[in-house]
Amino acid sequence: MPCSIPIGAYSPRHIMSPVHCSPADSVLLHHDIKSKLSVGMHWGTFVLTDEPVNQPPQKLKEALAKNGKKEDEFVTIDIGATITS
């Protein structure tokens, strides 16, 4: 079963880090819980913080690459889309 992990509403970090994961934090969380498949959530719907509303998926891809993870093990999907595992 996929894990939903938040990837958005993270900037500025000095304010948001106690309550919101950055994409880099989310990749570490994905690793720590030994998730086989994670889905990024909590992004792209409302402008809540300083980062561009559609930036989290790109930052997620960068963090996955930096941590030696495959893009298909932590994905984002369009609003209303479904995935099967």
PDB file of N, CA and C in Angstrom:
ATOM      1  N   MET A   1       0.847  -1.175   0.000  1.00  0.00           N
ATOM      2  CA  MET A   1       0.000   0.000   0.000  1.00  0.00           C
ATOM      3  C   MET A   1       0.895   1.241   0.000  1.00  0.00           C
ATOM      4  N   PRO A   2       0.594   2.211  -0.858  1.00  0.00           N
ATOM      5  CA  PRO A   2       1.405   3.440  -0.905  1.00  0.00           C
ATOM      6  C   PRO A   2       1.263   4.271   0.366  1.00  0.00           C
ATOM      7  N   CYS A   3       2.323   4.969   0.689  1.00  0.00           N
ATOM      8  CA  CYS A   3       2.311   5.920   1.809  1.00  0.00           C
ATOM      9  C   CYS A   3       2.131   7.322   1.245  1.00  0.00           C
ATOM     10  N   SER A   4       1.277   8.112   1.840  1.00  0.00           N
ATOM     11  CA  SER A   4       1.139   9.521   1.480  1.00  0.00           C
ATOM     12  C   SER A   4       2.066  10.330   2.373  1.00  0.00           C
ATOM     13  N   ILE A   5       2.948  11.088   1.732  1.00  0.00           N
ATOM     14  CA  ILE A   5       3.916  11.885   2.475  1.00  0.00           C
ATOM     15  C   ILE A   5       3.842  13.322   1.974  1.00  0.00           C
ATOM     16  N   PRO A   6       3.722  14.299   2.865  1.00  0.00           N
ATOM     17  CA  PRO A   6       3.643  15.701   2.442  1.00  0.00           C
ATOM     18  C   PRO A   6       4.962  16.189   1.847  1.00  0.00           C
ATOM     19  N   ILE A   7       4.851  16.994   0.791  1.00  0.00           N
ATOM     20  CA  ILE A   7       6.055  17.543   0.150  1.00  0.00           C
ATOM     21  C   ILE A   7       5.976  19.058  -0.028  1.00  0.00           C
ATOM     22  N   GLY A   8       4.892  19.697   0.354  1.00  0.00           N
ATOM     23  CA  GLY A   8       4.728  21.118   0.070  1.00  0.00           C
ATOM     24  C   GLY A   8       4.545  21.981   1.294  1.00  0.00           C
ATOM     25  N   ALA A   9       4.439  23.284   1.039  1.00  0.00           N
ATOM     26  CA  ALA A   9       4.259  24.311   2.077  1.00  0.00           C
ATOM     27  C   ALA A   9       5.432  24.306   3.047  1.00  0.00           C
ATOM     28  N   TYR A  10       6.636  24.424   2.507  1.00  0.00           N
ATOM     29  CA  TYR A  10       7.849  24.273   3.316  1.00  0.00           C
ATOM     30  C   TYR A  10       8.724  25.514   3.425  1.00  0.00           C
ATOM     31  N   SER A  11       8.382  26.582   2.742  1.00  0.00           N
ATOM     32  CA  SER A  11       9.268  27.757   2.707  1.00  0.00           C
ATOM     33  C   SER A  11       8.566  28.986   3.282  1.00  0.00           C
ATOM     34  N   PRO A  12       9.222  29.717   4.121  1.00  0.00           N
ATOM     35  CA  PRO A  12      10.620  29.651   4.553  1.00  0.00           C
ATOM     36  C   PRO A  12      10.826  28.573   5.609  1.00  0.00           C
ATOM     37  N   ARG A  13      11.945  27.878   5.523  1.00  0.00           N
ATOM     38  CA  ARG A  13      12.229  26.742   6.399  1.00  0.00           C
ATOM     39  C   ARG A  13      12.275  27.134   7.872  1.00  0.00           C
ATOM     40  N   HIS A  14      12.802  28.302   8.186  1.00  0.00           N
ATOM     41  CA  HIS A  14      12.913  28.664   9.606  1.00  0.00           C
ATOM     42  C   HIS A  14      11.544  28.806  10.277  1.00  0.00           C
ATOM     43  N   ILE A  15      10.512  29.010   9.494  1.00  0.00           N
ATOM     44  CA  ILE A  15       9.152  29.090  10.043  1.00  0.00           C
ATOM     45  C   ILE A  15       8.411  27.766   9.867  1.00  0.00           C
ATOM     46  N   MET A  16       8.539  27.163   8.694  1.00  0.00           N
ATOM     47  CA  MET A  16       7.710  26.011   8.349  1.00  0.00           C
ATOM     48  C   MET A  16       8.271  24.652   8.772  1.00  0.00           C
ATOM     49  N   SER A  17       9.569  24.554   9.039  1.00  0.00           N
ATOM     50  CA  SER A  17      10.157  23.239   9.309  1.00  0.00           C
ATOM     51  C   SER A  17       9.545  22.500  10.507  1.00  0.00           C
ATOM     52  N   PRO A  18       9.067  23.179  11.542  1.00  0.00           N
ATOM     53  CA  PRO A  18       8.460  22.411  12.634  1.00  0.00           C
ATOM     54  C   PRO A  18       7.137  21.728  12.261  1.00  0.00           C
ATOM     55  N   VAL A  19       6.489  22.201  11.184  1.00  0.00           N
ATOM     56  CA  VAL A  19       5.158  21.676  10.874  1.00  0.00           C
ATOM     57  C   VAL A  19       4.994  21.126   9.463  1.00  0.00           C
ATOM     58  N   HIS A  20       5.960  21.368   8.557  1.00  0.00           N
ATOM     59  CA  HIS A  20       5.844  20.907   7.175  1.00  0.00           C
ATOM     60  C   HIS A  20       7.161  20.336   6.677  1.00  0.00           C
ATOM     61  N   CYS A  21       7.074  19.212   5.960  1.00  0.00           N
ATOM     62  CA  CYS A  21       8.258  18.595   5.354  1.00  0.00           C
ATOM     63  C   CYS A  21       8.599  19.286   4.043  1.00  0.00           C
ATOM     64  N   SER A  22       9.880  19.499   3.830  1.00  0.00           N
ATOM     65  CA  SER A  22      10.343  19.894   2.504  1.00  0.00           C
ATOM     66  C   SER A  22      10.454  18.620   1.670  1.00  0.00           C
ATOM     67  N   PRO A  23      10.570  18.732   0.349  1.00  0.00           N
ATOM     68  CA  PRO A  23      10.787  17.529  -0.439  1.00  0.00           C
ATOM     69  C   PRO A  23      12.012  16.730   0.029  1.00  0.00           C
ATOM     70  N   ALA A  24      13.085  17.424   0.413  1.00  0.00           N
ATOM     71  CA  ALA A  24      14.278  16.722   0.912  1.00  0.00           C
ATOM     72  C   ALA A  24      13.964  15.968   2.205  1.00  0.00           C
ATOM     73  N   ASP A  25      13.222  16.599   3.117  1.00  0.00           N
ATOM     74  CA  ASP A  25      12.801  15.923   4.351  1.00  0.00           C
ATOM     75  C   ASP A  25      11.945  14.705   4.019  1.00  0.00           C
ATOM     76  N   SER A  26      11.075  14.867   3.033  1.00  0.00           N
ATOM     77  CA  SER A  26      10.138  13.806   2.663  1.00  0.00           C
ATOM     78  C   SER A  26      10.854  12.575   2.130  1.00  0.00           C
ATOM     79  N   VAL A  27      11.927  12.788   1.373  1.00  0.00           N
ATOM     80  CA  VAL A  27      12.704  11.652   0.866  1.00  0.00           C
ATOM     81  C   VAL A  27      13.359  10.908   2.029  1.00  0.00           C
ATOM     82  N   LEU A  28      13.855  11.639   3.001  1.00  0.00           N
ATOM     83  CA  LEU A  28      14.437  10.991   4.185  1.00  0.00           C
ATOM     84  C   LEU A  28      13.371  10.210   4.955  1.00  0.00           C
ATOM     85  N   LEU A  29      12.192  10.772   5.075  1.00  0.00           N
ATOM     86  CA  LEU A  29      11.081  10.085   5.734  1.00  0.00           C
ATOM     87  C   LEU A  29      10.712   8.810   4.975  1.00  0.00           C
ATOM     88  N   HIS A  30      10.603   8.922   3.661  1.00  0.00           N
ATOM     89  CA  HIS A  30      10.326   7.770   2.788  1.00  0.00           C
ATOM     90  C   HIS A  30      11.331   6.651   3.064  1.00  0.00           C
ATOM     91  N   HIS A  31      12.595   7.006   3.154  1.00  0.00           N
ATOM     92  CA  HIS A  31      13.651   6.036   3.432  1.00  0.00           C
ATOM     93  C   HIS A  31      13.518   5.463   4.845  1.00  0.00           C
ATOM     94  N   ASP A  32      13.322   6.328   5.824  1.00  0.00           N
ATOM     95  CA  ASP A  32      13.271   5.896   7.223  1.00  0.00           C
ATOM     96  C   ASP A  32      12.137   4.918   7.514  1.00  0.00           C
ATOM     97  N   ILE A  33      11.001   5.108   6.856  1.00  0.00           N
ATOM     98  CA  ILE A  33       9.870   4.204   7.100  1.00  0.00           C
ATOM     99  C   ILE A  33       9.891   2.981   6.182  1.00  0.00           C
ATOM    100  N   LYS A  34      10.930   2.919   5.335  1.00  0.00           N
ATOM    101  CA  LYS A  34      11.125   1.795   4.408  1.00  0.00           C
ATOM    102  C   LYS A  34       9.940   1.616   3.465  1.00  0.00           C
ATOM    103  N   SER A  35       9.410   2.729   2.990  1.00  0.00           N
ATOM    104  CA  SER A  35       8.279   2.686   2.069  1.00  0.00           C
ATOM    105  C   SER A  35       8.729   2.144   0.711  1.00  0.00           C
ATOM    106  N   LYS A  36       7.928   1.273   0.153  1.00  0.00           N
ATOM    107  CA  LYS A  36       8.195   0.760  -1.201  1.00  0.00           C
ATOM    108  C   LYS A  36       7.655   1.721  -2.265  1.00  0.00           C
ATOM    109  N   LEU A  37       6.558   2.413  -1.918  1.00  0.00           N
ATOM    110  CA  LEU A  37       5.957   3.389  -2.813  1.00  0.00           C
ATOM    111  C   LEU A  37       5.352   4.508  -1.975  1.00  0.00           C
ATOM    112  N   SER A  38       5.779   5.729  -2.242  1.00  0.00           N
ATOM    113  CA  SER A  38       5.220   6.902  -1.568  1.00  0.00           C
ATOM    114  C   SER A  38       4.616   7.834  -2.602  1.00  0.00           C
ATOM    115  N   VAL A  39       3.579   8.559  -2.171  1.00  0.00           N
ATOM    116  CA  VAL A  39       2.910   9.533  -3.027  1.00  0.00           C
ATOM    117  C   VAL A  39       2.999  10.885  -2.332  1.00  0.00           C
ATOM    118  N   GLY A  40       3.570  11.858  -3.040  1.00  0.00           N
ATOM    119  CA  GLY A  40       3.675  13.203  -2.497  1.00  0.00           C
ATOM    120  C   GLY A  40       2.306  13.859  -2.408  1.00  0.00           C
ATOM    121  N   MET A  41       2.020  14.425  -1.263  1.00  0.00           N
ATOM    122  CA  MET A  41       0.733  15.104  -1.063  1.00  0.00           C
ATOM    123  C   MET A  41       0.987  16.495  -0.481  1.00  0.00           C
ATOM    124  N   HIS A  42      -0.069  17.246  -0.339  1.00  0.00           N
ATOM    125  CA  HIS A  42      -0.029  18.564   0.294  1.00  0.00           C
ATOM    126  C   HIS A  42       0.778  19.568  -0.528  1.00  0.00           C
ATOM    127  N   TRP A  43       0.454  19.642  -1.825  1.00  0.00           N
ATOM    128  CA  TRP A  43       1.119  20.603  -2.699  1.00  0.00           C
ATOM    129  C   TRP A  43       0.177  20.901  -3.879  1.00  0.00           C
ATOM    130  N   GLY A  44       0.381  22.042  -4.515  1.00  0.00           N
ATOM    131  CA  GLY A  44      -0.292  22.349  -5.770  1.00  0.00           C
ATOM    132  C   GLY A  44      -1.743  22.776  -5.694  1.00  0.00           C
ATOM    133  N   THR A  45      -2.296  22.934  -4.516  1.00  0.00           N
ATOM    134  CA  THR A  45      -3.710  23.287  -4.402  1.00  0.00           C
ATOM    135  C   THR A  45      -3.907  24.736  -3.975  1.00  0.00           C
ATOM    136  N   PHE A  46      -3.229  25.130  -2.917  1.00  0.00           N
ATOM    137  CA  PHE A  46      -3.344  26.477  -2.379  1.00  0.00           C
ATOM    138  C   PHE A  46      -1.964  27.096  -2.217  1.00  0.00           C
ATOM    139  N   VAL A  47      -1.876  28.397  -2.400  1.00  0.00           N
ATOM    140  CA  VAL A  47      -0.636  29.109  -2.106  1.00  0.00           C
ATOM    141  C   VAL A  47      -0.625  29.356  -0.599  1.00  0.00           C
ATOM    142  N   LEU A  48       0.208  28.626   0.096  1.00  0.00           N
ATOM    143  CA  LEU A  48       0.275  28.733   1.555  1.00  0.00           C
ATOM    144  C   LEU A  48       1.564  29.378   2.037  1.00  0.00           C
ATOM    145  N   THR A  49       2.624  29.223   1.259  1.00  0.00           N
ATOM    146  CA  THR A  49       3.952  29.650   1.704  1.00  0.00           C
ATOM    147  C   THR A  49       4.710  30.295   0.553  1.00  0.00           C
ATOM    148  N   ASP A  50       6.012  30.484   0.722  1.00  0.00           N
ATOM    149  CA  ASP A  50       6.813  31.233  -0.236  1.00  0.00           C
ATOM    150  C   ASP A  50       7.200  30.474  -1.505  1.00  0.00           C
ATOM    151  N   GLU A  51       7.274  29.140  -1.459  1.00  0.00           N
ATOM    152  CA  GLU A  51       7.709  28.440  -2.669  1.00  0.00           C
ATOM    153  C   GLU A  51       6.603  28.474  -3.729  1.00  0.00           C
ATOM    154  N   PRO A  52       6.997  28.453  -5.016  1.00  0.00           N
ATOM    155  CA  PRO A  52       5.982  28.382  -6.073  1.00  0.00           C
ATOM    156  C   PRO A  52       5.111  27.135  -5.888  1.00  0.00           C
ATOM    157  N   VAL A  53       3.831  27.267  -6.116  1.00  0.00           N
ATOM    158  CA  VAL A  53       2.864  26.215  -5.806  1.00  0.00           C
ATOM    159  C   VAL A  53       3.165  24.899  -6.524  1.00  0.00           C
ATOM    160  N   ASN A  54       3.788  24.948  -7.697  1.00  0.00           N
ATOM    161  CA  ASN A  54       4.089  23.724  -8.437  1.00  0.00           C
ATOM    162  C   ASN A  54       5.554  23.303  -8.337  1.00  0.00           C
ATOM    163  N   GLN A  55       6.315  23.879  -7.436  1.00  0.00           N
ATOM    164  CA  GLN A  55       7.729  23.552  -7.283  1.00  0.00           C
ATOM    165  C   GLN A  55       7.993  22.226  -6.548  1.00  0.00           C
ATOM    166  N   PRO A  56       7.187  21.817  -5.591  1.00  0.00           N
ATOM    167  CA  PRO A  56       7.521  20.623  -4.814  1.00  0.00           C
ATOM    168  C   PRO A  56       7.835  19.358  -5.629  1.00  0.00           C
ATOM    169  N   PRO A  57       7.098  19.028  -6.700  1.00  0.00           N
ATOM    170  CA  PRO A  57       7.474  17.814  -7.447  1.00  0.00           C
ATOM    171  C   PRO A  57       8.876  17.887  -8.054  1.00  0.00           C
ATOM    172  N   GLN A  58       9.281  19.052  -8.537  1.00  0.00           N
ATOM    173  CA  GLN A  58      10.628  19.186  -9.095  1.00  0.00           C
ATOM    174  C   GLN A  58      11.680  19.030  -8.000  1.00  0.00           C
ATOM    175  N   LYS A  59      11.448  19.652  -6.867  1.00  0.00           N
ATOM    176  CA  LYS A  59      12.379  19.521  -5.749  1.00  0.00           C
ATOM    177  C   LYS A  59      12.404  18.076  -5.227  1.00  0.00           C
ATOM    178  N   LEU A  60      11.278  17.389  -5.297  1.00  0.00           N
ATOM    179  CA  LEU A  60      11.225  15.986  -4.906  1.00  0.00           C
ATOM    180  C   LEU A  60      12.132  15.157  -5.811  1.00  0.00           C
ATOM    181  N   LYS A  61      12.040  15.367  -7.122  1.00  0.00           N
ATOM    182  CA  LYS A  61      12.900  14.632  -8.065  1.00  0.00           C
ATOM    183  C   LYS A  61      14.373  14.886  -7.773  1.00  0.00           C
ATOM    184  N   GLU A  62      14.717  16.136  -7.495  1.00  0.00           N
ATOM    185  CA  GLU A  62      16.107  16.472  -7.173  1.00  0.00           C
ATOM    186  C   GLU A  62      16.562  15.756  -5.901  1.00  0.00           C
ATOM    187  N   ALA A  63      15.705  15.738  -4.888  1.00  0.00           N
ATOM    188  CA  ALA A  63      16.053  15.088  -3.626  1.00  0.00           C
ATOM    189  C   ALA A  63      16.167  13.574  -3.792  1.00  0.00           C
ATOM    190  N   LEU A  64      15.313  12.989  -4.608  1.00  0.00           N
ATOM    191  CA  LEU A  64      15.405  11.553  -4.868  1.00  0.00           C
ATOM    192  C   LEU A  64      16.744  11.226  -5.520  1.00  0.00           C
ATOM    193  N   ALA A  65      17.115  11.995  -6.535  1.00  0.00           N
ATOM    194  CA  ALA A  65      18.386  11.762  -7.224  1.00  0.00           C
ATOM    195  C   ALA A  65      19.561  11.928  -6.271  1.00  0.00           C
ATOM    196  N   LYS A  66      19.526  12.963  -5.464  1.00  0.00           N
ATOM    197  CA  LYS A  66      20.614  13.230  -4.516  1.00  0.00           C
ATOM    198  C   LYS A  66      20.777  12.090  -3.510  1.00  0.00           C
ATOM    199  N   ASN A  67      19.675  11.424  -3.179  1.00  0.00           N
ATOM    200  CA  ASN A  67      19.706  10.347  -2.191  1.00  0.00           C
ATOM    201  C   ASN A  67      19.742   8.953  -2.813  1.00  0.00           C
ATOM    202  N   GLY A  68      19.983   8.884  -4.118  1.00  0.00           N
ATOM    203  CA  GLY A  68      20.109   7.597  -4.790  1.00  0.00           C
ATOM    204  C   GLY A  68      18.828   6.789  -4.861  1.00  0.00           C
ATOM    205  N   LYS A  69      17.705   7.480  -4.869  1.00  0.00           N
ATOM    206  CA  LYS A  69      16.404   6.808  -4.937  1.00  0.00           C
ATOM    207  C   LYS A  69      15.854   6.898  -6.356  1.00  0.00           C
ATOM    208  N   LYS A  70      15.045   5.919  -6.733  1.00  0.00           N
ATOM    209  CA  LYS A  70      14.419   5.911  -8.054  1.00  0.00           C
ATOM    210  C   LYS A  70      13.178   6.801  -8.051  1.00  0.00           C
ATOM    211  N   GLU A  71      12.947   7.497  -9.169  1.00  0.00           N
ATOM    212  CA  GLU A  71      11.774   8.378  -9.263  1.00  0.00           C
ATOM    213  C   GLU A  71      10.460   7.620  -9.138  1.00  0.00           C
ATOM    214  N   ASP A  72      10.434   6.348  -9.524  1.00  0.00           N
ATOM    215  CA  ASP A  72       9.165   5.610  -9.485  1.00  0.00           C
ATOM    216  C   ASP A  72       8.824   5.047  -8.101  1.00  0.00           C
ATOM    217  N   GLU A  73       9.687   5.274  -7.107  1.00  0.00           N
ATOM    218  CA  GLU A  73       9.348   4.809  -5.760  1.00  0.00           C
ATOM    219  C   GLU A  73       8.730   5.910  -4.903  1.00  0.00           C
ATOM    220  N   PHE A  74       8.778   7.157  -5.387  1.00  0.00           N
ATOM    221  CA  PHE A  74       8.155   8.285  -4.685  1.00  0.00           C
ATOM    222  C   PHE A  74       7.626   9.206  -5.776  1.00  0.00           C
ATOM    223  N   VAL A  75       6.330   9.202  -5.973  1.00  0.00           N
ATOM    224  CA  VAL A  75       5.717   9.875  -7.117  1.00  0.00           C
ATOM    225  C   VAL A  75       4.762  10.977  -6.676  1.00  0.00           C
ATOM    226  N   THR A  76       4.403  11.798  -7.623  1.00  0.00           N
ATOM    227  CA  THR A  76       3.300  12.752  -7.442  1.00  0.00           C
ATOM    228  C   THR A  76       2.282  12.435  -8.527  1.00  0.00           C
ATOM    229  N   ILE A  77       1.039  12.734  -8.258  1.00  0.00           N
ATOM    230  CA  ILE A  77      -0.011  12.503  -9.244  1.00  0.00           C
ATOM    231  C   ILE A  77      -0.863  13.764  -9.355  1.00  0.00           C
ATOM    232  N   ASP A  78      -1.546  13.892 -10.470  1.00  0.00           N
ATOM    233  CA  ASP A  78      -2.447  15.016 -10.677  1.00  0.00           C
ATOM    234  C   ASP A  78      -3.653  14.903  -9.766  1.00  0.00           C
ATOM    235  N   ILE A  79      -4.236  16.038  -9.427  1.00  0.00           N
ATOM    236  CA  ILE A  79      -5.448  16.058  -8.609  1.00  0.00           C
ATOM    237  C   ILE A  79      -6.528  15.238  -9.307  1.00  0.00           C
ATOM    238  N   GLY A  80      -7.122  14.321  -8.574  1.00  0.00           N
ATOM    239  CA  GLY A  80      -8.173  13.458  -9.103  1.00  0.00           C
ATOM    240  C   GLY A  80      -7.666  12.171  -9.731  1.00  0.00           C
ATOM    241  N   ALA A  81      -6.348  12.051  -9.917  1.00  0.00           N
ATOM    242  CA  ALA A  81      -5.780  10.843 -10.509  1.00  0.00           C
ATOM    243  C   ALA A  81      -5.712   9.731  -9.476  1.00  0.00           C
ATOM    244  N   THR A  82      -5.546   8.529  -9.965  1.00  0.00           N
ATOM    245  CA  THR A  82      -5.393   7.379  -9.080  1.00  0.00           C
ATOM    246  C   THR A  82      -4.137   6.609  -9.478  1.00  0.00           C
ATOM    247  N   ILE A  83      -3.651   5.811  -8.557  1.00  0.00           N
ATOM    248  CA  ILE A  83      -2.552   4.905  -8.847  1.00  0.00           C
ATOM    249  C   ILE A  83      -2.913   3.537  -8.319  1.00  0.00           C
ATOM    250  N   THR A  84      -2.282   2.530  -8.842  1.00  0.00           N
ATOM    251  CA  THR A  84      -2.447   1.176  -8.325  1.00  0.00           C
ATOM    252  C   THR A  84      -1.085   0.663  -7.935  1.00  0.00           C
ATOM    253  N   SER A  85      -1.070  -0.140  -6.925  1.00  0.00           N
ATOM    254  CA  SER A  85       0.223  -0.687  -6.479  1.00  0.00           C
ATOM    255  C   SER A  85       0.249  -2.178  -6.566  1.00  0.00           C
TER     256      SER A  85
END
